[in-house]
C-alpha atoms as a PDB file:
ATOM      1  CA  UNK A   1     145.742   0.291 237.647  1.00  0.00           C
ATOM      2  CA  UNK A   2     144.368   1.229 234.200  1.00  0.00           C
ATOM      3  CA  UNK A   3     141.243   0.054 234.825  1.00  0.00           C
ATOM      4  CA  UNK A   4     141.093   2.092 238.453  1.00  0.00           C
ATOM      5  CA  UNK A   5     141.997   5.313 236.912  1.00  0.00           C
ATOM      6  CA  UNK A   6     139.268   4.622 234.286  1.00  0.00           C
ATOM      7  CA  UNK A   7     136.432   3.998 236.847  1.00  0.00           C
ATOM      8  CA  UNK A   8     137.570   6.904 239.033  1.00  0.00           C
ATOM      9  CA  UNK A   9     137.261   9.254 236.045  1.00  0.00           C
ATOM     10  CA  UNK A  10     133.790   7.737 235.042  1.00  0.00           C
ATOM     11  CA  UNK A  11     133.003   8.500 238.806  1.00  0.00           C
ATOM     12  CA  UNK A  12     134.434  11.824 238.307  1.00  0.00           C
ATOM     13  CA  UNK A  13     132.164  12.311 235.325  1.00  0.00           C
ATOM     14  CA  UNK A  14     129.088  11.220 237.561  1.00  0.00           C
ATOM     15  CA  UNK A  15     130.141  14.194 240.117  1.00  0.00           C
ATOM     16  CA  UNK A  16     131.418  11.667 242.761  1.00  0.00           C
ATOM     17  CA  UNK A  17     127.629  10.531 243.335  1.00  0.00           C
ATOM     18  CA  UNK A  18     127.978   7.709 245.655  1.00  0.00           C
ATOM     19  CA  UNK A  19     124.910   6.195 244.057  1.00  0.00           C
ATOM     20  CA  UNK A  20     126.523   6.172 240.886  1.00  0.00           C
ATOM     21  CA  UNK A  21     129.513   4.045 241.731  1.00  0.00           C
ATOM     22  CA  UNK A  22     127.624   0.851 240.331  1.00  0.00           C
ATOM     23  CA  UNK A  23     127.358   2.183 237.123  1.00  0.00           C
ATOM     24  CA  UNK A  24     131.028   3.150 236.901  1.00  0.00           C
ATOM     25  CA  UNK A  25     131.795  -0.121 237.599  1.00  0.00           C
ATOM     26  CA  UNK A  26     129.734  -1.599 235.181  1.00  0.00           C
ATOM     27  CA  UNK A  27     131.045   0.770 232.313  1.00  0.00           C
ATOM     28  CA  UNK A  28     134.706   0.056 233.246  1.00  0.00           C
ATOM     29  CA  UNK A  29     134.137  -4.079 233.189  1.00  0.00           C
ATOM     30  CA  UNK A  30     132.294  -3.568 229.965  1.00  0.00           C
ATOM     31  CA  UNK A  31     134.998  -1.573 228.334  1.00  0.00           C
ATOM     32  CA  UNK A  32     137.261  -4.118 230.132  1.00  0.00           C
ATOM     33  CA  UNK A  33     135.265  -6.899 227.929  1.00  0.00           C
ATOM     34  CA  UNK A  34     135.307  -4.810 224.718  1.00  0.00           C
ATOM     35  CA  UNK A  35     138.885  -4.583 225.065  1.00  0.00           C
ATOM     36  CA  UNK A  36     139.415  -8.394 225.601  1.00  0.00           C
ATOM     37  CA  UNK A  37     137.105  -9.001 222.329  1.00  0.00           C
ATOM     38  CA  UNK A  38     139.598  -6.203 220.565  1.00  0.00           C
ATOM     39  CA  UNK A  39     142.398  -8.300 221.519  1.00  0.00           C
ATOM     40  CA  UNK A  40     141.305 -11.537 219.782  1.00  0.00           C
ATOM     41  CA  UNK A  41     141.809  -9.651 216.667  1.00  0.00           C
ATOM     42  CA  UNK A  42     145.567  -8.109 217.322  1.00  0.00           C
ATOM     43  CA  UNK A  43     148.034 -10.602 216.334  1.00  0.00           C
ATOM     44  CA  UNK A  44     150.216 -11.878 219.370  1.00  0.00           C
ATOM     45  CA  UNK A  45     147.561 -11.123 221.851  1.00  0.00           C
ATOM     46  CA  UNK A  46     145.012 -13.483 223.105  1.00  0.00           C
ATOM     47  CA  UNK A  47     141.725 -12.344 224.827  1.00  0.00           C
ATOM     48  CA  UNK A  48     141.218 -14.014 228.870  1.00  0.00           C
ATOM     49  CA  UNK A  49     137.968 -14.259 230.396  1.00  0.00           C
ATOM     50  CA  UNK A  50     140.448 -14.571 233.633  1.00  0.00           C
ATOM     51  CA  UNK A  51     141.642 -10.836 233.005  1.00  0.00           C
ATOM     52  CA  UNK A  52     138.358  -9.164 233.127  1.00  0.00           C
ATOM     53  CA  UNK A  53     137.060 -10.931 236.044  1.00  0.00           C
ATOM     54  CA  UNK A  54     139.786 -11.037 238.252  1.00  0.00           C
ATOM     55  CA  UNK A  55     142.287  -7.889 237.470  1.00  0.00           C
ATOM     56  CA  UNK A  56     140.553  -5.546 235.800  1.00  0.00           C
ATOM     57  CA  UNK A  57     137.271  -6.025 238.109  1.00  0.00           C
ATOM     58  CA  UNK A  58     139.173  -5.934 241.046  1.00  0.00           C
ATOM     59  CA  UNK A  59     140.985  -2.875 240.173  1.00  0.00           C
ATOM     60  CA  UNK A  60     137.795  -0.948 239.293  1.00  0.00           C
ATOM     61  CA  UNK A  61     136.183  -2.230 242.888  1.00  0.00           C
ATOM     62  CA  UNK A  62     138.997  -1.474 244.692  1.00  0.00           C
ATOM     63  CA  UNK A  63     139.607   2.226 243.243  1.00  0.00           C
ATOM     64  CA  UNK A  64     135.835   2.824 243.739  1.00  0.00           C
ATOM     65  CA  UNK A  65     135.662   1.309 247.373  1.00  0.00           C
ATOM     66  CA  UNK A  66     138.440   3.673 248.340  1.00  0.00           C
ATOM     67  CA  UNK A  67     136.842   6.817 246.564  1.00  0.00           C
ATOM     68  CA  UNK A  68     133.418   6.030 248.377  1.00  0.00           C
ATOM     69  CA  UNK A  69     135.495   5.723 251.668  1.00  0.00           C
ATOM     70  CA  UNK A  70     136.905   9.062 250.791  1.00  0.00           C
ATOM     71  CA  UNK A  71     133.537  10.471 249.775  1.00  0.00           C
ATOM     72  CA  UNK A  72     131.921   9.283 253.114  1.00  0.00           C
ATOM     73  CA  UNK A  73     134.366  10.794 255.111  1.00  0.00           C
ATOM     74  CA  UNK A  74     134.428  14.313 253.730  1.00  0.00           C
ATOM     75  CA  UNK A  75     130.614  14.242 253.995  1.00  0.00           C
ATOM     76  CA  UNK A  76     131.014  13.637 257.585  1.00  0.00           C
ATOM     77  CA  UNK A  77     130.788  16.916 259.470  1.00  0.00           C
ATOM     78  CA  UNK A  78     131.735  17.193 263.349  1.00  0.00           C
ATOM     79  CA  UNK A  79     128.981  18.046 265.746  1.00  0.00           C
ATOM     80  CA  UNK A  80     131.369  21.048 266.871  1.00  0.00           C
ATOM     81  CA  UNK A  81     131.223  22.250 263.393  1.00  0.00           C
ATOM     82  CA  UNK A  82     127.214  22.003 263.034  1.00  0.00           C
ATOM     83  CA  UNK A  83     125.450  25.766 263.687  1.00  0.00           C
ATOM     84  CA  UNK A  84     121.980  25.314 265.475  1.00  0.00           C
ATOM     85  CA  UNK A  85     119.676  27.604 263.229  1.00  0.00           C
ATOM     86  CA  UNK A  86     117.605  28.541 266.211  1.00  0.00           C
ATOM     87  CA  UNK A  87     120.339  30.373 268.067  1.00  0.00           C
ATOM     88  CA  UNK A  88     121.307  32.209 264.729  1.00  0.00           C
ATOM     89  CA  UNK A  89     117.366  33.208 263.860  1.00  0.00           C
ATOM     90  CA  UNK A  90     117.182  34.218 267.967  1.00  0.00           C
ATOM     91  CA  UNK A  91     119.708  36.761 267.813  1.00  0.00           C
END
């Protein structure tokens, strides 16, 4: 859940541009890698590559996929709302 929120925050920082979703994912996974490295220095904690590859990665991907679906849905304009410019300029 934390990396899902991080990915969405990064995407918001990129103004929700769809082409920047992969960059948001990459930065979130890169942060996950550095977090696991940091855990190697904390007593009682152990780094796990599995956490990065599965949990953090999937959380990030799912949130960005859902955000992409919502972005595409909001960008779609129904045909009945489209105003033809020729009709406006002719009147």
